[in-house]
């Protein structure tokens, strides 16, 4: 019986070289026997393509690789979408440039995808969390992000409206499923969008045991309160972005009552932020849609700016 090939899809942008080397070495050490690596650089302004190619030739020796560079910067969504189109293999695994994969990661994740009684469209995994120096700071994601809860099963789309538990760098799925989700809309990070699309069409499963070391540092694209330094930034990154996300998710399916409820809640958030009459009352009434966020905004958005900043920094550090 032949072994199906997995395409590893790696997007790069001005990578930190020592971290990239660690990643490539961990990919090269994968126990799964049939792999192909697709690398697409997102028009890095400070990292020569020749240097990236040299690193790939040096550290990826166990399987073939293909390297492309975007003519213009497409962002992570555009780059990962192009990577899905680049490959031809039946299965795809998404990959970030700064993590370290454990040797059995792909063997275990594809194994679950093919053997799970749920017949999932997408499989993801837990991770060990490390800092920028490679020091482990949490044995599992739940110990690092208190609100991160992994789910498995069918009918998970409502839970994926408000937050994503399926991290892209842990995902394995059939390429045809990923192709059906293209293009990835700008308003939703590609892994969140893929998880939502999969959940509207079938099941998701996950491996409880971590399959990689996930690096958390100041440059991560996502994270708790990432990039928020003011109330205005909070509005743009948490409230306005959520409204845009709802529009993108509604385009996937308009037959989901939870989306209707989320739109009413989103409107209440805007009104509360703007201090419009009745806004706080509306948000309080709809607080069960997302209790923690509702309570946070009812209280924190009314704090003086210095105190608001202090609370946000405490949340970013995991103190609150």
C-alpha atoms as a PDB file:
ATOM      1  CA  UNK A   1       0.000   0.000   0.000  1.00  0.00           C
ATOM      2  CA  UNK A   2       1.480   3.366  -1.006  1.00  0.00           C
ATOM      3  CA  UNK A   3       2.090   6.100   1.531  1.00  0.00           C
ATOM      4  CA  UNK A   4       0.305   9.367   0.636  1.00  0.00           C
ATOM      5  CA  UNK A   5       2.552  12.391   0.424  1.00  0.00           C
ATOM      6  CA  UNK A   6       2.100  15.371   2.728  1.00  0.00           C
ATOM      7  CA  UNK A   7       2.966  18.823   1.414  1.00  0.00           C
ATOM      8  CA  UNK A   8       4.469  21.022   4.132  1.00  0.00           C
ATOM      9  CA  UNK A   9       3.487  24.625   3.381  1.00  0.00           C
ATOM     10  CA  UNK A  10       5.972  27.122   4.815  1.00  0.00           C
ATOM     11  CA  UNK A  11       5.485  30.892   4.520  1.00  0.00           C
ATOM     12  CA  UNK A  12       8.499  33.087   5.285  1.00  0.00           C
ATOM     13  CA  UNK A  13       9.029  36.806   5.765  1.00  0.00           C
ATOM     14  CA  UNK A  14      12.363  38.276   6.874  1.00  0.00           C
ATOM     15  CA  UNK A  15      12.991  35.197   9.006  1.00  0.00           C
ATOM     16  CA  UNK A  16      15.303  35.171  11.977  1.00  0.00           C
ATOM     17  CA  UNK A  17      17.878  32.754  10.658  1.00  0.00           C
ATOM     18  CA  UNK A  18      18.706  30.769  13.800  1.00  0.00           C
ATOM     19  CA  UNK A  19      15.022  30.081  14.405  1.00  0.00           C
ATOM     20  CA  UNK A  20      14.473  29.143  10.776  1.00  0.00           C
ATOM     21  CA  UNK A  21      17.390  26.710  10.918  1.00  0.00           C
ATOM     22  CA  UNK A  22      15.890  25.049  13.994  1.00  0.00           C
ATOM     23  CA  UNK A  23      12.582  24.699  12.173  1.00  0.00           C
ATOM     24  CA  UNK A  24      14.117  23.269   9.005  1.00  0.00           C
ATOM     25  CA  UNK A  25      16.140  20.758  10.987  1.00  0.00           C
ATOM     26  CA  UNK A  26      13.002  19.635  12.784  1.00  0.00           C
ATOM     27  CA  UNK A  27      11.182  19.222   9.472  1.00  0.00           C
ATOM     28  CA  UNK A  28      14.076  17.207   8.091  1.00  0.00           C
ATOM     29  CA  UNK A  29      13.875  14.901  11.128  1.00  0.00           C
ATOM     30  CA  UNK A  30      10.213  13.978  10.613  1.00  0.00           C
ATOM     31  CA  UNK A  31       9.540  10.244  10.823  1.00  0.00           C
ATOM     32  CA  UNK A  32       6.795  10.311   8.186  1.00  0.00           C
ATOM     33  CA  UNK A  33       8.379   8.839   5.044  1.00  0.00           C
ATOM     34  CA  UNK A  34       6.734  10.769   2.204  1.00  0.00           C
ATOM     35  CA  UNK A  35       7.021  14.561   2.341  1.00  0.00           C
ATOM     36  CA  UNK A  36       7.568  17.552   0.082  1.00  0.00           C
ATOM     37  CA  UNK A  37       8.278  21.059   1.317  1.00  0.00           C
ATOM     38  CA  UNK A  38       6.830  24.119  -0.399  1.00  0.00           C
ATOM     39  CA  UNK A  39       8.348  27.425   0.685  1.00  0.00           C
ATOM     40  CA  UNK A  40       6.965  30.775  -0.409  1.00  0.00           C
ATOM     41  CA  UNK A  41       8.671  33.956   0.740  1.00  0.00           C
ATOM     42  CA  UNK A  42       6.399  36.973   1.045  1.00  0.00           C
ATOM     43  CA  UNK A  43       8.680  39.478  -0.727  1.00  0.00           C
ATOM     44  CA  UNK A  44      11.052  39.824   2.228  1.00  0.00           C
ATOM     45  CA  UNK A  45      12.811  43.198   1.941  1.00  0.00           C
ATOM     46  CA  UNK A  46      15.820  42.222   4.071  1.00  0.00           C
ATOM     47  CA  UNK A  47      16.408  38.527   3.407  1.00  0.00           C
ATOM     48  CA  UNK A  48      17.919  37.487   0.046  1.00  0.00           C
ATOM     49  CA  UNK A  49      16.194  34.639  -1.740  1.00  0.00           C
ATOM     50  CA  UNK A  50      19.613  33.122  -2.488  1.00  0.00           C
ATOM     51  CA  UNK A  51      20.313  32.926   1.248  1.00  0.00           C
ATOM     52  CA  UNK A  52      17.000  31.194   1.874  1.00  0.00           C
ATOM     53  CA  UNK A  53      17.687  28.715  -0.910  1.00  0.00           C
ATOM     54  CA  UNK A  54      21.124  27.963   0.532  1.00  0.00           C
ATOM     55  CA  UNK A  55      19.633  27.236   3.948  1.00  0.00           C
ATOM     56  CA  UNK A  56      17.059  24.915   2.426  1.00  0.00           C
ATOM     57  CA  UNK A  57      19.712  22.986   0.499  1.00  0.00           C
ATOM     58  CA  UNK A  58      21.822  22.647   3.629  1.00  0.00           C
ATOM     59  CA  UNK A  59      19.148  21.641   6.132  1.00  0.00           C
ATOM     60  CA  UNK A  60      16.433  19.910   4.087  1.00  0.00           C
ATOM     61  CA  UNK A  61      17.997  16.754   2.725  1.00  0.00           C
ATOM     62  CA  UNK A  62      15.453  14.026   3.527  1.00  0.00           C
ATOM     63  CA  UNK A  63      12.828  15.116   0.966  1.00  0.00           C
ATOM     64  CA  UNK A  64      12.472  17.572  -1.940  1.00  0.00           C
ATOM     65  CA  UNK A  65      11.555  21.223  -1.636  1.00  0.00           C
ATOM     66  CA  UNK A  66      10.216  23.955  -3.919  1.00  0.00           C
ATOM     67  CA  UNK A  67      10.943  27.638  -3.346  1.00  0.00           C
ATOM     68  CA  UNK A  68       8.985  30.639  -4.635  1.00  0.00           C
ATOM     69  CA  UNK A  69       8.949  34.342  -3.793  1.00  0.00           C
ATOM     70  CA  UNK A  70       5.931  36.627  -4.086  1.00  0.00           C
ATOM     71  CA  UNK A  71       6.448  39.536  -6.478  1.00  0.00           C
ATOM     72  CA  UNK A  72       4.621  41.750  -3.964  1.00  0.00           C
ATOM     73  CA  UNK A  73       3.830  41.380  -0.283  1.00  0.00           C
ATOM     74  CA  UNK A  74       0.608  39.373   0.056  1.00  0.00           C
ATOM     75  CA  UNK A  75       0.500  38.920   3.821  1.00  0.00           C
ATOM     76  CA  UNK A  76       0.242  35.545   5.513  1.00  0.00           C
ATOM     77  CA  UNK A  77      -3.257  34.766   4.196  1.00  0.00           C
ATOM     78  CA  UNK A  78      -2.328  35.466   0.608  1.00  0.00           C
ATOM     79  CA  UNK A  79       0.929  33.554   0.916  1.00  0.00           C
ATOM     80  CA  UNK A  80      -0.631  30.469   2.467  1.00  0.00           C
ATOM     81  CA  UNK A  81      -3.378  30.571  -0.145  1.00  0.00           C
ATOM     82  CA  UNK A  82      -0.744  30.588  -2.890  1.00  0.00           C
ATOM     83  CA  UNK A  83       1.021  27.671  -1.199  1.00  0.00           C
ATOM     84  CA  UNK A  84      -2.173  25.606  -1.238  1.00  0.00           C
ATOM     85  CA  UNK A  85      -2.362  26.260  -4.966  1.00  0.00           C
ATOM     86  CA  UNK A  86       1.370  25.549  -5.468  1.00  0.00           C
ATOM     87  CA  UNK A  87       1.256  21.981  -4.236  1.00  0.00           C
ATOM     88  CA  UNK A  88      -0.342  18.900  -5.785  1.00  0.00           C
ATOM     89  CA  UNK A  89      -0.058  16.411  -2.932  1.00  0.00           C
ATOM     90  CA  UNK A  90      -3.251  14.965  -1.360  1.00  0.00           C
ATOM     91  CA  UNK A  91      -2.531  16.267   2.155  1.00  0.00           C
ATOM     92  CA  UNK A  92      -1.221  19.591   3.422  1.00  0.00           C
ATOM     93  CA  UNK A  93       0.404  20.680   6.687  1.00  0.00           C
ATOM     94  CA  UNK A  94       0.755  24.394   7.409  1.00  0.00           C
ATOM     95  CA  UNK A  95       4.045  25.625   8.843  1.00  0.00           C
ATOM     96  CA  UNK A  96       5.339  28.832  10.460  1.00  0.00           C
ATOM     97  CA  UNK A  97       8.964  29.956  10.265  1.00  0.00           C
ATOM     98  CA  UNK A  98       9.846  30.093  13.969  1.00  0.00           C
ATOM     99  CA  UNK A  99       8.682  26.866  15.648  1.00  0.00           C
ATOM    100  CA  UNK A 100      10.216  23.443  16.240  1.00  0.00           C
ATOM    101  CA  UNK A 101       8.323  20.305  15.219  1.00  0.00           C
ATOM    102  CA  UNK A 102       8.661  17.106  17.219  1.00  0.00           C
ATOM    103  CA  UNK A 103       9.802  14.138  15.078  1.00  0.00           C
ATOM    104  CA  UNK A 104       6.471  12.250  15.034  1.00  0.00           C
ATOM    105  CA  UNK A 105       4.287  15.291  14.369  1.00  0.00           C
ATOM    106  CA  UNK A 106       3.231  14.510  10.815  1.00  0.00           C
ATOM    107  CA  UNK A 107       3.084  10.768  11.348  1.00  0.00           C
ATOM    108  CA  UNK A 108       0.749  11.254  14.302  1.00  0.00           C
ATOM    109  CA  UNK A 109      -1.460  13.968  12.820  1.00  0.00           C
ATOM    110  CA  UNK A 110      -2.044  12.226   9.503  1.00  0.00           C
ATOM    111  CA  UNK A 111      -2.583   9.017  11.446  1.00  0.00           C
ATOM    112  CA  UNK A 112      -5.407  10.662  13.375  1.00  0.00           C
ATOM    113  CA  UNK A 113      -6.874  12.246  10.242  1.00  0.00           C
ATOM    114  CA  UNK A 114      -7.089   8.817   8.602  1.00  0.00           C
ATOM    115  CA  UNK A 115      -8.140   6.746  11.629  1.00  0.00           C
ATOM    116  CA  UNK A 116     -10.385   8.973  13.743  1.00  0.00           C
ATOM    117  CA  UNK A 117     -13.959   7.664  14.049  1.00  0.00           C
ATOM    118  CA  UNK A 118     -15.088  11.263  13.538  1.00  0.00           C
ATOM    119  CA  UNK A 119     -13.766  11.187   9.945  1.00  0.00           C
ATOM    120  CA  UNK A 120     -12.513  14.748  10.442  1.00  0.00           C
ATOM    121  CA  UNK A 121     -11.872  17.253   7.690  1.00  0.00           C
ATOM    122  CA  UNK A 122      -9.142  18.848   9.785  1.00  0.00           C
ATOM    123  CA  UNK A 123      -6.809  17.705  12.557  1.00  0.00           C
ATOM    124  CA  UNK A 124      -4.844  19.959  14.890  1.00  0.00           C
ATOM    125  CA  UNK A 125      -2.720  19.364  17.988  1.00  0.00           C
ATOM    126  CA  UNK A 126      -1.643  20.773  21.299  1.00  0.00           C
ATOM    127  CA  UNK A 127       1.774  22.415  21.605  1.00  0.00           C
ATOM    128  CA  UNK A 128       4.546  23.012  24.087  1.00  0.00           C
ATOM    129  CA  UNK A 129       5.102  26.727  24.520  1.00  0.00           C
ATOM    130  CA  UNK A 130       8.591  28.253  24.531  1.00  0.00           C
ATOM    131  CA  UNK A 131       9.885  31.802  24.669  1.00  0.00           C
ATOM    132  CA  UNK A 132      12.162  33.588  22.230  1.00  0.00           C
ATOM    133  CA  UNK A 133      15.208  31.950  23.799  1.00  0.00           C
ATOM    134  CA  UNK A 134      13.783  28.457  23.349  1.00  0.00           C
ATOM    135  CA  UNK A 135      13.023  28.022  27.052  1.00  0.00           C
ATOM    136  CA  UNK A 136       9.803  26.112  27.723  1.00  0.00           C
ATOM    137  CA  UNK A 137       7.290  28.276  29.570  1.00  0.00           C
ATOM    138  CA  UNK A 138       4.233  25.992  29.420  1.00  0.00           C
ATOM    139  CA  UNK A 139       3.811  22.241  28.769  1.00  0.00           C
ATOM    140  CA  UNK A 140       0.534  22.828  26.889  1.00  0.00           C
ATOM    141  CA  UNK A 141      -1.214  25.758  25.264  1.00  0.00           C
ATOM    142  CA  UNK A 142      -3.982  25.802  27.901  1.00  0.00           C
ATOM    143  CA  UNK A 143      -1.388  26.534  30.574  1.00  0.00           C
ATOM    144  CA  UNK A 144      -0.217  29.588  28.618  1.00  0.00           C
ATOM    145  CA  UNK A 145      -3.533  30.955  27.353  1.00  0.00           C
ATOM    146  CA  UNK A 146      -6.235  30.345  29.901  1.00  0.00           C
ATOM    147  CA  UNK A 147      -9.072  30.789  27.437  1.00  0.00           C
ATOM    148  CA  UNK A 148      -7.650  28.334  24.904  1.00  0.00           C
ATOM    149  CA  UNK A 149      -9.853  25.239  24.860  1.00  0.00           C
ATOM    150  CA  UNK A 150      -9.452  22.475  22.300  1.00  0.00           C
ATOM    151  CA  UNK A 151     -12.651  20.970  20.904  1.00  0.00           C
ATOM    152  CA  UNK A 152     -13.423  17.897  18.833  1.00  0.00           C
ATOM    153  CA  UNK A 153     -16.507  16.706  17.044  1.00  0.00           C
ATOM    154  CA  UNK A 154     -19.134  18.054  14.685  1.00  0.00           C
ATOM    155  CA  UNK A 155     -21.197  21.265  14.807  1.00  0.00           C
ATOM    156  CA  UNK A 156     -18.290  23.278  16.176  1.00  0.00           C
ATOM    157  CA  UNK A 157     -18.863  26.313  13.932  1.00  0.00           C
ATOM    158  CA  UNK A 158     -20.696  28.371  16.598  1.00  0.00           C
ATOM    159  CA  UNK A 159     -17.742  27.979  18.974  1.00  0.00           C
ATOM    160  CA  UNK A 160     -15.379  29.168  16.231  1.00  0.00           C
ATOM    161  CA  UNK A 161     -17.167  32.458  15.641  1.00  0.00           C
ATOM    162  CA  UNK A 162     -15.559  34.130  18.635  1.00  0.00           C
ATOM    163  CA  UNK A 163     -12.167  32.466  18.898  1.00  0.00           C
ATOM    164  CA  UNK A 164     -10.027  29.835  17.235  1.00  0.00           C
ATOM    165  CA  UNK A 165      -8.525  26.808  18.952  1.00  0.00           C
ATOM    166  CA  UNK A 166      -6.985  25.191  15.849  1.00  0.00           C
ATOM    167  CA  UNK A 167      -3.486  26.630  15.385  1.00  0.00           C
ATOM    168  CA  UNK A 168      -2.412  26.693  11.758  1.00  0.00           C
ATOM    169  CA  UNK A 169       1.096  25.415  12.423  1.00  0.00           C
ATOM    170  CA  UNK A 170      -0.426  22.202  13.845  1.00  0.00           C
ATOM    171  CA  UNK A 171      -3.015  21.578  11.102  1.00  0.00           C
ATOM    172  CA  UNK A 172      -3.153  18.672   8.664  1.00  0.00           C
ATOM    173  CA  UNK A 173      -5.990  18.289   6.171  1.00  0.00           C
ATOM    174  CA  UNK A 174      -6.746  17.127   2.658  1.00  0.00           C
ATOM    175  CA  UNK A 175      -5.620  19.602   0.034  1.00  0.00           C
ATOM    176  CA  UNK A 176      -9.011  19.475  -1.675  1.00  0.00           C
ATOM    177  CA  UNK A 177     -10.659  20.732   1.521  1.00  0.00           C
ATOM    178  CA  UNK A 178      -8.186  23.609   1.773  1.00  0.00           C
ATOM    179  CA  UNK A 179      -8.703  24.447  -1.914  1.00  0.00           C
ATOM    180  CA  UNK A 180     -12.460  24.651  -1.373  1.00  0.00           C
ATOM    181  CA  UNK A 181     -11.840  27.341   1.279  1.00  0.00           C
ATOM    182  CA  UNK A 182      -9.873  29.655  -1.029  1.00  0.00           C
ATOM    183  CA  UNK A 183      -9.468  32.568  -1.175  1.00  0.00           C
ATOM    184  CA  UNK A 184      -8.698  33.282   2.470  1.00  0.00           C
ATOM    185  CA  UNK A 185     -10.414  36.597   3.328  1.00  0.00           C
ATOM    186  CA  UNK A 186      -8.256  39.356   4.776  1.00  0.00           C
ATOM    187  CA  UNK A 187     -10.535  39.746   7.801  1.00  0.00           C
ATOM    188  CA  UNK A 188      -9.859  36.265   9.217  1.00  0.00           C
ATOM    189  CA  UNK A 189      -6.478  34.637   9.863  1.00  0.00           C
ATOM    190  CA  UNK A 190      -6.159  31.640   7.543  1.00  0.00           C
ATOM    191  CA  UNK A 191      -6.146  28.987  10.283  1.00  0.00           C
ATOM    192  CA  UNK A 192      -9.290  30.395  11.902  1.00  0.00           C
ATOM    193  CA  UNK A 193     -11.017  30.518   8.531  1.00  0.00           C
ATOM    194  CA  UNK A 194     -10.002  26.961   7.659  1.00  0.00           C
ATOM    195  CA  UNK A 195     -11.254  25.692  11.014  1.00  0.00           C
ATOM    196  CA  UNK A 196     -14.603  27.469  10.593  1.00  0.00           C
ATOM    197  CA  UNK A 197     -15.037  26.191   7.036  1.00  0.00           C
ATOM    198  CA  UNK A 198     -14.215  22.638   8.128  1.00  0.00           C
ATOM    199  CA  UNK A 199     -16.606  22.883  11.061  1.00  0.00           C
ATOM    200  CA  UNK A 200     -19.494  23.953   8.820  1.00  0.00           C
ATOM    201  CA  UNK A 201     -18.948  20.897   6.611  1.00  0.00           C
ATOM    202  CA  UNK A 202     -17.871  18.140   8.993  1.00  0.00           C
ATOM    203  CA  UNK A 203     -15.799  17.276  12.031  1.00  0.00           C
ATOM    204  CA  UNK A 204     -12.547  18.453  13.598  1.00  0.00           C
ATOM    205  CA  UNK A 205     -10.334  16.299  15.790  1.00  0.00           C
ATOM    206  CA  UNK A 206      -7.160  17.026  17.726  1.00  0.00           C
ATOM    207  CA  UNK A 207      -4.254  15.322  19.433  1.00  0.00           C
ATOM    208  CA  UNK A 208      -4.103  16.044  23.149  1.00  0.00           C
ATOM    209  CA  UNK A 209      -0.361  15.416  23.318  1.00  0.00           C
ATOM    210  CA  UNK A 210       1.778  18.308  22.038  1.00  0.00           C
ATOM    211  CA  UNK A 211       3.382  17.647  18.667  1.00  0.00           C
ATOM    212  CA  UNK A 212       5.587  20.729  18.403  1.00  0.00           C
ATOM    213  CA  UNK A 213       7.281  23.518  20.330  1.00  0.00           C
ATOM    214  CA  UNK A 214       5.486  26.803  19.681  1.00  0.00           C
ATOM    215  CA  UNK A 215       7.496  29.982  20.050  1.00  0.00           C
ATOM    216  CA  UNK A 216       5.870  32.962  21.798  1.00  0.00           C
ATOM    217  CA  UNK A 217       7.588  36.322  21.456  1.00  0.00           C
ATOM    218  CA  UNK A 218       6.888  39.953  20.626  1.00  0.00           C
ATOM    219  CA  UNK A 219       6.653  39.368  16.874  1.00  0.00           C
ATOM    220  CA  UNK A 220       3.904  36.748  16.873  1.00  0.00           C
ATOM    221  CA  UNK A 221       1.056  37.646  14.524  1.00  0.00           C
ATOM    222  CA  UNK A 222      -1.590  36.501  16.978  1.00  0.00           C
ATOM    223  CA  UNK A 223      -1.843  36.384  20.748  1.00  0.00           C
ATOM    224  CA  UNK A 224      -3.809  37.737  23.671  1.00  0.00           C
ATOM    225  CA  UNK A 225      -4.235  41.495  23.184  1.00  0.00           C
ATOM    226  CA  UNK A 226      -1.438  41.513  20.590  1.00  0.00           C
ATOM    227  CA  UNK A 227      -0.595  45.028  19.405  1.00  0.00           C
ATOM    228  CA  UNK A 228      -3.035  46.787  21.718  1.00  0.00           C
ATOM    229  CA  UNK A 229      -1.586  49.876  23.383  1.00  0.00           C
ATOM    230  CA  UNK A 230      -4.619  52.176  23.602  1.00  0.00           C
ATOM    231  CA  UNK A 231      -8.411  52.170  23.595  1.00  0.00           C
ATOM    232  CA  UNK A 232      -8.371  53.202  19.952  1.00  0.00           C
ATOM    233  CA  UNK A 233      -6.108  50.243  19.115  1.00  0.00           C
ATOM    234  CA  UNK A 234      -8.416  47.960  21.100  1.00  0.00           C
ATOM    235  CA  UNK A 235     -11.361  49.129  19.023  1.00  0.00           C
ATOM    236  CA  UNK A 236      -9.558  48.580  15.715  1.00  0.00           C
ATOM    237  CA  UNK A 237      -8.028  45.200  16.630  1.00  0.00           C
ATOM    238  CA  UNK A 238     -10.819  43.655  18.690  1.00  0.00           C
ATOM    239  CA  UNK A 239     -14.148  45.285  17.865  1.00  0.00           C
ATOM    240  CA  UNK A 240     -13.867  46.464  14.257  1.00  0.00           C
ATOM    241  CA  UNK A 241     -11.953  43.326  13.272  1.00  0.00           C
ATOM    242  CA  UNK A 242     -14.664  41.140  14.789  1.00  0.00           C
ATOM    243  CA  UNK A 243     -17.303  42.884  12.672  1.00  0.00           C
ATOM    244  CA  UNK A 244     -15.212  42.237   9.565  1.00  0.00           C
ATOM    245  CA  UNK A 245     -14.746  38.613  10.624  1.00  0.00           C
ATOM    246  CA  UNK A 246     -18.503  38.150  10.921  1.00  0.00           C
ATOM    247  CA  UNK A 247     -18.952  39.375   7.359  1.00  0.00           C
ATOM    248  CA  UNK A 248     -16.386  36.848   6.106  1.00  0.00           C
ATOM    249  CA  UNK A 249     -17.878  33.963   8.110  1.00  0.00           C
ATOM    250  CA  UNK A 250     -21.393  34.833   6.982  1.00  0.00           C
ATOM    251  CA  UNK A 251     -20.174  34.415   3.405  1.00  0.00           C
ATOM    252  CA  UNK A 252     -19.311  30.802   4.300  1.00  0.00           C
ATOM    253  CA  UNK A 253     -22.762  30.078   5.721  1.00  0.00           C
ATOM    254  CA  UNK A 254     -25.776  32.256   6.393  1.00  0.00           C
ATOM    255  CA  UNK A 255     -27.698  29.408   7.996  1.00  0.00           C
ATOM    256  CA  UNK A 256     -26.238  29.670  11.486  1.00  0.00           C
ATOM    257  CA  UNK A 257     -28.321  31.258  14.276  1.00  0.00           C
ATOM    258  CA  UNK A 258     -25.164  31.864  16.297  1.00  0.00           C
ATOM    259  CA  UNK A 259     -23.982  34.291  13.601  1.00  0.00           C
ATOM    260  CA  UNK A 260     -27.181  36.328  13.935  1.00  0.00           C
ATOM    261  CA  UNK A 261     -26.651  36.535  17.694  1.00  0.00           C
ATOM    262  CA  UNK A 262     -23.014  37.470  17.181  1.00  0.00           C
ATOM    263  CA  UNK A 263     -23.963  40.335  14.863  1.00  0.00           C
ATOM    264  CA  UNK A 264     -26.311  41.788  17.512  1.00  0.00           C
ATOM    265  CA  UNK A 265     -23.553  41.478  20.109  1.00  0.00           C
ATOM    266  CA  UNK A 266     -21.031  43.107  17.780  1.00  0.00           C
ATOM    267  CA  UNK A 267     -23.359  46.076  17.302  1.00  0.00           C
ATOM    268  CA  UNK A 268     -23.729  46.405  21.095  1.00  0.00           C
ATOM    269  CA  UNK A 269     -19.940  46.413  21.481  1.00  0.00           C
ATOM    270  CA  UNK A 270     -19.595  49.291  19.033  1.00  0.00           C
ATOM    271  CA  UNK A 271     -22.300  51.280  20.781  1.00  0.00           C
ATOM    272  CA  UNK A 272     -20.723  50.612  24.177  1.00  0.00           C
ATOM    273  CA  UNK A 273     -17.289  51.707  22.949  1.00  0.00           C
ATOM    274  CA  UNK A 274     -18.725  54.918  21.515  1.00  0.00           C
ATOM    275  CA  UNK A 275     -20.631  55.569  24.752  1.00  0.00           C
ATOM    276  CA  UNK A 276     -23.872  55.745  22.815  1.00  0.00           C
ATOM    277  CA  UNK A 277     -27.048  55.816  24.820  1.00  0.00           C
ATOM    278  CA  UNK A 278     -28.202  52.285  25.572  1.00  0.00           C
ATOM    279  CA  UNK A 279     -24.944  50.730  24.369  1.00  0.00           C
ATOM    280  CA  UNK A 280     -23.802  49.464  27.749  1.00  0.00           C
ATOM    281  CA  UNK A 281     -27.302  48.181  28.508  1.00  0.00           C
ATOM    282  CA  UNK A 282     -27.418  46.294  25.217  1.00  0.00           C
ATOM    283  CA  UNK A 283     -24.000  44.752  25.794  1.00  0.00           C
ATOM    284  CA  UNK A 284     -24.989  43.691  29.299  1.00  0.00           C
ATOM    285  CA  UNK A 285     -28.170  42.121  27.952  1.00  0.00           C
ATOM    286  CA  UNK A 286     -26.195  40.145  25.371  1.00  0.00           C
ATOM    287  CA  UNK A 287     -23.255  39.378  27.670  1.00  0.00           C
ATOM    288  CA  UNK A 288     -23.757  35.599  27.524  1.00  0.00           C
ATOM    289  CA  UNK A 289     -22.717  35.661  23.866  1.00  0.00           C
ATOM    290  CA  UNK A 290     -19.155  36.120  25.168  1.00  0.00           C
ATOM    291  CA  UNK A 291     -19.262  36.752  28.898  1.00  0.00           C
ATOM    292  CA  UNK A 292     -15.601  37.504  29.567  1.00  0.00           C
ATOM    293  CA  UNK A 293     -15.213  39.906  26.660  1.00  0.00           C
ATOM    294  CA  UNK A 294     -18.480  41.653  27.491  1.00  0.00           C
ATOM    295  CA  UNK A 295     -17.531  42.172  31.126  1.00  0.00           C
ATOM    296  CA  UNK A 296     -14.039  43.292  30.123  1.00  0.00           C
ATOM    297  CA  UNK A 297     -15.350  45.950  27.769  1.00  0.00           C
ATOM    298  CA  UNK A 298     -18.069  47.151  30.129  1.00  0.00           C
ATOM    299  CA  UNK A 299     -15.427  47.806  32.777  1.00  0.00           C
ATOM    300  CA  UNK A 300     -12.029  48.343  31.153  1.00  0.00           C
ATOM    301  CA  UNK A 301     -13.127  50.649  28.332  1.00  0.00           C
ATOM    302  CA  UNK A 302     -14.356  53.072  30.991  1.00  0.00           C
ATOM    303  CA  UNK A 303     -11.070  53.202  32.864  1.00  0.00           C
ATOM    304  CA  UNK A 304      -8.704  56.185  32.535  1.00  0.00           C
ATOM    305  CA  UNK A 305      -6.155  55.635  29.767  1.00  0.00           C
ATOM    306  CA  UNK A 306      -3.164  54.920  32.083  1.00  0.00           C
ATOM    307  CA  UNK A 307      -5.140  52.343  34.058  1.00  0.00           C
ATOM    308  CA  UNK A 308      -6.509  50.844  30.839  1.00  0.00           C
ATOM    309  CA  UNK A 309      -2.943  50.409  29.585  1.00  0.00           C
ATOM    310  CA  UNK A 310      -1.885  48.745  32.826  1.00  0.00           C
ATOM    311  CA  UNK A 311      -4.743  46.239  32.687  1.00  0.00           C
ATOM    312  CA  UNK A 312      -3.972  45.396  29.047  1.00  0.00           C
ATOM    313  CA  UNK A 313      -0.301  44.770  29.843  1.00  0.00           C
ATOM    314  CA  UNK A 314      -1.289  42.456  32.696  1.00  0.00           C
ATOM    315  CA  UNK A 315      -3.552  40.516  30.342  1.00  0.00           C
ATOM    316  CA  UNK A 316      -0.787  40.293  27.723  1.00  0.00           C
ATOM    317  CA  UNK A 317       1.564  38.853  30.356  1.00  0.00           C
ATOM    318  CA  UNK A 318      -1.038  36.338  31.519  1.00  0.00           C
ATOM    319  CA  UNK A 319      -1.437  37.886  34.961  1.00  0.00           C
ATOM    320  CA  UNK A 320      -5.161  38.492  34.365  1.00  0.00           C
END
